[in-house]
């Protein structure tokens, strides 16, 4: 147990944007929400998973929708409170604590903003170890935890209660409602007991985010290469260095979808990298080589500062380093690959761990 203040939030926001693999919502907006709540209500208590009672009711707090929508429709935080209050009323039980559903820019910060306002602790756990675009893409789904009952809420005060036959149907129905509610909503779902959280969650994810953010900040202060520090902290691999030569991005069916193309620089001169994303980066490949593929993490970093760049933040001409990071072992199981592997997203390649691609390479 420890208290989280402004500096911790600053560092976590950077790490969250990196682990968000381009998605998870605007990290700047999420950071501002958390900082404002802490300024007004005080520091937030952060708990390790093993400090949570087994019978405690715990619920993640998050946003769903296209990250591009947040550029024009920033959440106020009232939506998350409304969703939580209505879920408590439906379940007839007080929520003990909250946690991020994913390691994403805004979705790692929303729990802190909500917890500060409601006087709840945040638990150092998430359900992905990164960010994914769909609601069933969590480790809780792999272990049979139901997403419903679920509450989604928009900025107008509209709410919807969902009870579905499985988590894939939760995604389908919630996504359709989200489009009608303006493209983004706050939600309260995947309510569970502390024992479920300990069994299924990915622990110490907020600590990792903080470590990543701190490593980038200290690298800048000490005039050392921040990308080397990021790779050291995450166990990641440099995949490509280049400048953005084209970006094709559109918002459809509730997602930000697109392709970013990079022209190689330095050791990668003469090659061209293509990144495909659906909110998050899903596959990185050159004309001849597969470099990294979901569920492993693909992150785009500013070549000079080492700061992560989201899919909506990619700009023509930007000089970037693309890195790959091994995913959590839960995603490398048979059900994990079926749920978030390349074939689910329509890519006709087999999943190969990024560390194997980095060492051996695969010609395509």
Protein backbone atom coordinates (compact mmCIF):
# COMPACT_ATOMS: atom_id res chain seq x y z
CA UNK A 1 0.00 0.00 0.00
CA UNK A 2 1.26 3.46 -0.89
CA UNK A 3 -0.03 6.87 -1.85
CA UNK A 4 -0.06 8.06 -5.45
CA UNK A 5 0.45 11.77 -6.08
CA UNK A 6 1.17 14.02 -9.02
CA UNK A 7 4.68 12.83 -9.95
CA UNK A 8 3.60 9.19 -9.92
CA UNK A 9 0.68 10.06 -12.21
CA UNK A 10 2.99 11.94 -14.59
CA UNK A 11 5.28 8.91 -14.88
CA UNK A 12 2.44 6.36 -15.10
CA UNK A 13 0.75 8.32 -17.89
CA UNK A 14 3.85 8.02 -20.07
CA UNK A 15 4.21 4.31 -19.35
CA UNK A 16 0.51 3.76 -19.96
CA UNK A 17 0.72 5.41 -23.36
CA UNK A 18 3.60 3.13 -24.30
CA UNK A 19 1.98 -0.10 -23.07
CA UNK A 20 -1.25 1.05 -24.72
CA UNK A 21 0.39 0.15 -28.06
CA UNK A 22 -1.03 3.24 -29.71
CA UNK A 23 -4.53 2.94 -28.23
CA UNK A 24 -6.28 3.07 -24.89
CA UNK A 25 -7.38 6.69 -25.28
CA UNK A 26 -5.57 10.02 -25.18
CA UNK A 27 -2.94 9.84 -22.39
CA UNK A 28 -2.87 13.62 -22.00
CA UNK A 29 -6.60 13.82 -21.29
CA UNK A 30 -6.38 10.89 -18.88
CA UNK A 31 -3.47 12.48 -17.05
CA UNK A 32 -5.31 15.79 -16.68
CA UNK A 33 -8.37 13.99 -15.29
CA UNK A 34 -6.28 12.16 -12.69
CA UNK A 35 -4.20 15.21 -11.74
CA UNK A 36 -7.27 17.40 -11.31
CA UNK A 37 -8.99 14.82 -9.10
CA UNK A 38 -5.89 14.38 -6.92
CA UNK A 39 -5.47 18.14 -6.66
CA UNK A 40 -9.07 18.48 -5.47
CA UNK A 41 -9.55 15.34 -3.36
CA UNK A 42 -6.04 14.26 -2.33
CA UNK A 43 -3.68 11.40 -3.07
CA UNK A 44 -5.02 7.95 -3.96
CA UNK A 45 -4.13 4.72 -2.16
CA UNK A 46 -2.58 2.07 -4.42
CA UNK A 47 -2.95 -1.54 -3.25
CA UNK A 48 -1.17 -4.70 -4.37
CA UNK A 49 -3.54 -7.46 -5.42
CA UNK A 50 -2.72 -9.58 -2.38
CA UNK A 51 -3.91 -6.76 -0.09
CA UNK A 52 -7.49 -7.09 -1.41
CA UNK A 53 -9.87 -9.31 0.59
CA UNK A 54 -10.99 -12.41 -1.34
CA UNK A 55 -14.68 -11.57 -0.92
CA UNK A 56 -14.38 -7.85 -1.79
CA UNK A 57 -16.34 -6.52 -4.79
CA UNK A 58 -13.90 -4.94 -7.25
CA UNK A 59 -14.75 -3.33 -10.59
CA UNK A 60 -12.53 -1.81 -13.29
CA UNK A 61 -13.38 1.65 -14.59
CA UNK A 62 -12.69 2.54 -18.20
CA UNK A 63 -13.70 4.21 -21.44
CA UNK A 64 -14.65 2.40 -24.61
CA UNK A 65 -14.88 3.80 -28.12
CA UNK A 66 -12.63 5.23 -30.80
CA UNK A 67 -9.63 7.14 -29.36
CA UNK A 68 -10.00 9.76 -32.10
CA UNK A 69 -13.40 10.75 -30.66
CA UNK A 70 -11.75 11.91 -27.43
CA UNK A 71 -9.99 14.69 -29.30
CA UNK A 72 -13.39 16.38 -29.64
CA UNK A 73 -15.38 14.84 -26.78
CA UNK A 74 -13.29 14.67 -23.62
CA UNK A 75 -14.94 12.91 -20.67
CA UNK A 76 -15.73 14.92 -17.54
CA UNK A 77 -15.46 12.03 -15.08
CA UNK A 78 -19.12 12.25 -14.14
CA UNK A 79 -19.86 9.45 -16.60
CA UNK A 80 -17.65 7.01 -14.68
CA UNK A 81 -19.25 7.93 -11.34
CA UNK A 82 -22.73 7.47 -12.79
CA UNK A 83 -21.81 4.03 -14.17
CA UNK A 84 -20.32 2.92 -10.82
CA UNK A 85 -23.26 4.17 -8.76
CA UNK A 86 -25.78 2.41 -10.98
CA UNK A 87 -23.82 -0.84 -10.90
CA UNK A 88 -23.67 -0.69 -7.09
CA UNK A 89 -27.43 -0.13 -7.00
CA UNK A 90 -28.04 -3.09 -9.33
CA UNK A 91 -25.73 -5.44 -7.39
CA UNK A 92 -26.88 -4.19 -3.98
CA UNK A 93 -23.30 -4.02 -2.71
CA UNK A 94 -20.65 -1.34 -2.28
CA UNK A 95 -17.60 -1.50 -4.52
CA UNK A 96 -14.39 -1.98 -2.50
CA UNK A 97 -11.90 -0.73 -5.09
CA UNK A 98 -11.22 -0.17 -8.77
CA UNK A 99 -8.44 -0.86 -11.26
CA UNK A 100 -7.64 -0.31 -14.95
CA UNK A 101 -9.17 -2.77 -17.41
CA UNK A 102 -6.13 -2.25 -19.66
CA UNK A 103 -2.75 -0.55 -19.75
CA UNK A 104 -3.84 2.30 -21.98
CA UNK A 105 -3.35 6.05 -22.03
CA UNK A 106 -6.69 7.22 -20.67
CA UNK A 107 -7.77 3.83 -19.33
CA UNK A 108 -4.88 3.62 -16.87
CA UNK A 109 -5.72 7.10 -15.57
CA UNK A 110 -9.52 6.94 -15.25
CA UNK A 111 -9.39 4.67 -12.17
CA UNK A 112 -7.29 7.28 -10.33
CA UNK A 113 -9.68 10.10 -11.26
CA UNK A 114 -12.65 8.02 -10.13
CA UNK A 115 -10.96 6.69 -6.98
CA UNK A 116 -9.95 10.17 -5.81
CA UNK A 117 -13.51 11.42 -6.15
CA UNK A 118 -15.15 8.39 -4.51
CA UNK A 119 -12.52 7.73 -1.83
CA UNK A 120 -11.66 4.27 -3.17
CA UNK A 121 -8.28 2.54 -3.49
CA UNK A 122 -6.82 1.64 -6.88
CA UNK A 123 -5.49 -1.91 -7.23
CA UNK A 124 -2.25 -2.55 -9.14
CA UNK A 125 -3.79 -5.00 -11.62
CA UNK A 126 -5.20 -4.90 -15.13
CA UNK A 127 -6.79 -7.36 -17.53
CA UNK A 128 -4.47 -7.12 -20.54
CA UNK A 129 -0.92 -6.01 -19.73
CA UNK A 130 -1.37 -3.74 -22.76
CA UNK A 131 -4.44 -2.40 -24.64
CA UNK A 132 -6.80 -4.27 -26.97
CA UNK A 133 -9.78 -2.93 -28.93
CA UNK A 134 -12.62 -5.24 -27.83
CA UNK A 135 -14.31 -5.89 -24.47
CA UNK A 136 -13.81 -9.66 -24.42
CA UNK A 137 -10.05 -9.25 -24.94
CA UNK A 138 -9.15 -9.51 -21.26
CA UNK A 139 -7.54 -12.21 -19.16
CA UNK A 140 -10.75 -12.36 -17.11
CA UNK A 141 -12.54 -13.67 -20.22
CA UNK A 142 -9.90 -16.38 -20.57
CA UNK A 143 -10.82 -17.54 -17.04
CA UNK A 144 -14.58 -17.37 -17.47
CA UNK A 145 -15.39 -14.10 -15.66
CA UNK A 146 -18.54 -12.49 -17.08
CA UNK A 147 -18.43 -8.91 -18.38
CA UNK A 148 -22.04 -8.37 -17.31
CA UNK A 149 -23.99 -6.98 -15.60
CA UNK A 150 -22.48 -3.91 -17.20
CA UNK A 151 -23.36 -0.23 -17.16
CA UNK A 152 -22.31 2.18 -19.91
CA UNK A 153 -22.80 5.94 -19.52
CA UNK A 154 -22.34 8.97 -21.76
CA UNK A 155 -21.74 12.65 -21.08
CA UNK A 156 -25.43 13.50 -21.53
CA UNK A 157 -26.52 11.32 -18.60
CA UNK A 158 -27.75 8.39 -20.69
CA UNK A 159 -27.00 4.94 -19.28
CA UNK A 160 -27.62 1.38 -20.42
CA UNK A 161 -27.63 -1.83 -18.39
CA UNK A 162 -26.44 -4.90 -20.27
CA UNK A 163 -26.90 -8.55 -19.34
CA UNK A 164 -25.62 -10.80 -22.10
CA UNK A 165 -25.15 -14.50 -22.81
CA UNK A 166 -21.39 -14.13 -23.20
CA UNK A 167 -18.67 -11.49 -23.38
CA UNK A 168 -18.53 -11.41 -27.18
CA UNK A 169 -22.18 -10.35 -27.18
CA UNK A 170 -21.33 -7.72 -24.58
CA UNK A 171 -18.83 -6.27 -27.05
CA UNK A 172 -21.29 -6.33 -29.95
CA UNK A 173 -24.18 -4.71 -28.12
CA UNK A 174 -22.07 -2.21 -26.16
CA UNK A 175 -20.22 -1.17 -29.34
CA UNK A 176 -23.49 -0.49 -31.16
CA UNK A 177 -24.78 1.54 -28.20
CA UNK A 178 -21.49 3.43 -27.97
CA UNK A 179 -21.79 4.57 -31.59
CA UNK A 180 -25.28 5.92 -30.87
CA UNK A 181 -24.01 7.62 -27.69
CA UNK A 182 -21.44 9.68 -29.57
CA UNK A 183 -18.57 7.27 -30.19
CA UNK A 184 -17.24 6.97 -26.63
CA UNK A 185 -18.69 6.03 -23.23
CA UNK A 186 -17.55 5.22 -19.73
CA UNK A 187 -18.33 1.78 -18.40
CA UNK A 188 -18.45 -0.34 -15.26
CA UNK A 189 -18.28 -4.06 -16.06
CA UNK A 190 -16.36 -7.22 -15.18
CA UNK A 191 -17.39 -6.95 -11.53
CA UNK A 192 -15.71 -9.74 -9.57
CA UNK A 193 -14.44 -10.79 -6.17
CA UNK A 194 -10.92 -10.16 -4.97
CA UNK A 195 -10.05 -13.84 -5.38
CA UNK A 196 -11.01 -13.70 -9.09
CA UNK A 197 -8.82 -10.64 -9.55
CA UNK A 198 -5.83 -12.39 -7.98
CA UNK A 199 -6.32 -15.48 -10.17
CA UNK A 200 -6.93 -13.77 -13.51
CA UNK A 201 -5.45 -10.27 -13.41
CA UNK A 202 -2.02 -9.13 -14.58
CA UNK A 203 -0.36 -7.74 -11.47
CA UNK A 204 2.06 -4.84 -10.96
CA UNK A 205 1.09 -3.23 -14.27
CA UNK A 206 0.87 0.27 -12.78
CA UNK A 207 4.32 -0.16 -11.24
CA UNK A 208 5.65 -1.12 -14.67
CA UNK A 209 4.02 1.95 -16.21
CA UNK A 210 5.60 4.13 -13.54
CA UNK A 211 9.02 2.50 -14.10
CA UNK A 212 8.78 3.15 -17.85
CA UNK A 213 7.77 6.78 -17.39
CA UNK A 214 10.48 7.36 -14.79
CA UNK A 215 13.14 5.79 -17.01
CA UNK A 216 12.25 8.18 -19.87
CA UNK A 217 12.17 11.19 -17.53
CA UNK A 218 15.52 10.37 -15.90
CA UNK A 219 17.12 9.60 -19.26
CA UNK A 220 16.23 13.11 -20.40
CA UNK A 221 17.55 14.64 -17.17
CA UNK A 222 20.82 12.68 -17.43
CA UNK A 223 21.27 13.13 -21.18
CA UNK A 224 21.21 9.41 -22.01
CA UNK A 225 19.33 7.54 -24.74
CA UNK A 226 15.71 7.14 -23.50
CA UNK A 227 14.85 4.39 -25.97
CA UNK A 228 17.64 2.18 -24.67
CA UNK A 229 16.23 2.67 -21.15
CA UNK A 230 12.72 1.76 -22.35
CA UNK A 231 13.98 -1.43 -23.97
CA UNK A 232 15.88 -2.31 -20.82
CA UNK A 233 12.84 -1.70 -18.59
CA UNK A 234 10.36 -3.62 -20.78
CA UNK A 235 12.55 -6.39 -22.16
CA UNK A 236 11.66 -5.08 -25.62
CA UNK A 237 13.35 -5.07 -29.03
CA UNK A 238 14.02 -2.33 -31.57
CA UNK A 239 12.09 -3.24 -34.73
CA UNK A 240 12.58 -0.27 -37.03
CA UNK A 241 13.75 3.34 -37.24
CA UNK A 242 12.26 5.69 -39.80
CA UNK A 243 10.08 8.66 -40.60
CA UNK A 244 6.35 8.62 -41.28
CA UNK A 245 5.81 8.70 -45.05
CA UNK A 246 2.04 8.08 -45.06
CA UNK A 247 -0.82 7.79 -42.58
CA UNK A 248 -4.28 6.56 -43.54
CA UNK A 249 -6.68 6.66 -40.63
CA UNK A 250 -10.48 6.61 -40.29
CA UNK A 251 -13.06 6.10 -37.58
CA UNK A 252 -15.59 3.40 -38.40
CA UNK A 253 -17.73 0.87 -36.51
CA UNK A 254 -16.57 2.45 -33.26
CA UNK A 255 -12.84 1.98 -33.87
CA UNK A 256 -9.94 4.05 -35.18
CA UNK A 257 -8.59 1.93 -38.03
CA UNK A 258 -5.68 2.59 -40.34
CA UNK A 259 -2.23 2.01 -41.75
CA UNK A 260 0.93 3.96 -40.98
CA UNK A 261 3.91 3.69 -43.33
CA UNK A 262 7.50 4.52 -42.36
CA UNK A 263 10.50 5.12 -44.63
CA UNK A 264 13.62 3.54 -43.14
CA UNK A 265 16.50 5.59 -41.76
CA UNK A 266 20.08 4.70 -40.76
CA UNK A 267 20.41 0.89 -40.58
CA UNK A 268 16.91 0.53 -42.05
CA UNK A 269 17.47 2.77 -45.08
CA UNK A 270 15.95 1.28 -48.21
CA UNK A 271 13.20 -0.53 -46.29
CA UNK A 272 9.61 0.48 -45.69
CA UNK A 273 7.62 -0.46 -42.57
CA UNK A 274 3.85 -0.82 -42.50
CA UNK A 275 1.91 -0.71 -39.22
CA UNK A 276 -1.75 -1.72 -39.20
CA UNK A 277 -3.95 -0.74 -36.29
CA UNK A 278 -7.47 -1.05 -34.89
CA UNK A 279 -7.20 1.45 -32.03
CA UNK A 280 -4.00 -0.43 -31.15
CA UNK A 281 -1.07 -1.49 -33.37
CA UNK A 282 -1.62 -5.11 -34.39
CA UNK A 283 1.04 -6.02 -36.97
CA UNK A 284 4.39 -4.58 -38.07
CA UNK A 285 6.02 -5.76 -41.28
CA UNK A 286 8.30 -4.60 -44.05
CA UNK A 287 8.00 -5.68 -47.68
CA UNK A 288 9.89 -8.87 -46.85
CA UNK A 289 9.92 -9.36 -43.07
CA UNK A 290 7.37 -9.89 -40.32
CA UNK A 291 8.63 -7.90 -37.32
CA UNK A 292 5.94 -8.20 -34.64
CA UNK A 293 2.32 -9.28 -34.40
CA UNK A 294 -0.46 -9.23 -31.81
CA UNK A 295 -0.69 -10.15 -28.95
CA UNK A 296 2.91 -8.93 -28.55
CA UNK A 297 3.11 -5.17 -28.04
CA UNK A 298 4.05 -2.73 -30.82
CA UNK A 299 4.85 0.82 -29.74
CA UNK A 300 5.91 3.89 -31.71
CA UNK A 301 8.34 6.22 -29.91
CA UNK A 302 9.61 9.66 -30.81
CA UNK A 303 13.17 9.08 -32.00
CA UNK A 304 14.57 11.99 -29.99
CA UNK A 305 12.57 12.03 -26.74
CA UNK A 306 11.55 8.37 -26.46
CA UNK A 307 7.99 9.45 -25.68
CA UNK A 308 5.24 7.15 -27.02
CA UNK A 309 3.06 8.28 -29.92
CA UNK A 310 -0.57 7.12 -30.11
CA UNK A 311 -2.26 6.06 -33.35
CA UNK A 312 -4.13 9.37 -33.50
CA UNK A 313 -0.87 11.24 -32.82
CA UNK A 314 1.13 9.83 -35.76
CA UNK A 315 2.02 12.69 -38.12
CA UNK A 316 3.62 12.81 -41.56
CA UNK A 317 7.37 13.36 -41.39
CA UNK A 318 7.78 12.40 -37.72
CA UNK A 319 10.99 10.49 -36.98
CA UNK A 320 10.21 7.43 -34.91
CA UNK A 321 11.56 4.22 -33.47
CA UNK A 322 9.19 1.25 -33.47
CA UNK A 323 9.71 -1.32 -30.73
CA UNK A 324 8.21 -4.72 -29.90
CA UNK A 325 7.62 -6.06 -26.38
CA UNK A 326 6.71 -9.64 -25.37
CA UNK A 327 3.11 -9.97 -24.16
CA UNK A 328 2.02 -11.60 -20.90
CA UNK A 329 2.20 -15.45 -21.00
CA UNK A 330 -1.60 -15.68 -20.59
CA UNK A 331 -1.97 -14.39 -24.16
CA UNK A 332 0.34 -17.09 -25.53
CA UNK A 333 -2.04 -19.87 -24.53
CA UNK A 334 -4.31 -21.51 -27.14
CA UNK A 335 -7.37 -19.54 -25.99
CA UNK A 336 -5.31 -16.36 -25.75
CA UNK A 337 -4.16 -16.64 -29.37
CA UNK A 338 -7.69 -17.47 -30.50
CA UNK A 339 -8.96 -14.35 -28.72
CA UNK A 340 -6.35 -11.75 -29.71
CA UNK A 341 -4.02 -13.42 -32.23
CA UNK A 342 -3.45 -12.22 -35.80
CA UNK A 343 -6.04 -14.48 -37.40
CA UNK A 344 -8.82 -13.03 -35.22
CA UNK A 345 -8.10 -9.63 -36.78
CA UNK A 346 -7.99 -11.04 -40.31
CA UNK A 347 -4.21 -11.28 -40.85
CA UNK A 348 -3.11 -14.45 -42.62
CA UNK A 349 -0.02 -15.05 -40.50
CA UNK A 350 0.69 -17.32 -37.56
CA UNK A 351 1.62 -15.87 -34.21
CA UNK A 352 5.39 -15.96 -33.66
CA UNK A 353 6.84 -14.48 -30.43
CA UNK A 354 8.63 -11.19 -30.98
CA UNK A 355 11.81 -12.50 -29.40
CA UNK A 356 11.95 -15.28 -32.03
CA UNK A 357 11.30 -12.79 -34.84
CA UNK A 358 14.03 -10.51 -33.49
CA UNK A 359 16.59 -13.32 -33.46
CA UNK A 360 15.64 -15.40 -36.51
CA UNK A 361 13.44 -13.15 -38.62
CA UNK A 362 10.64 -14.44 -40.85
CA UNK A 363 10.53 -13.79 -44.58
CA UNK A 364 7.04 -13.07 -45.96
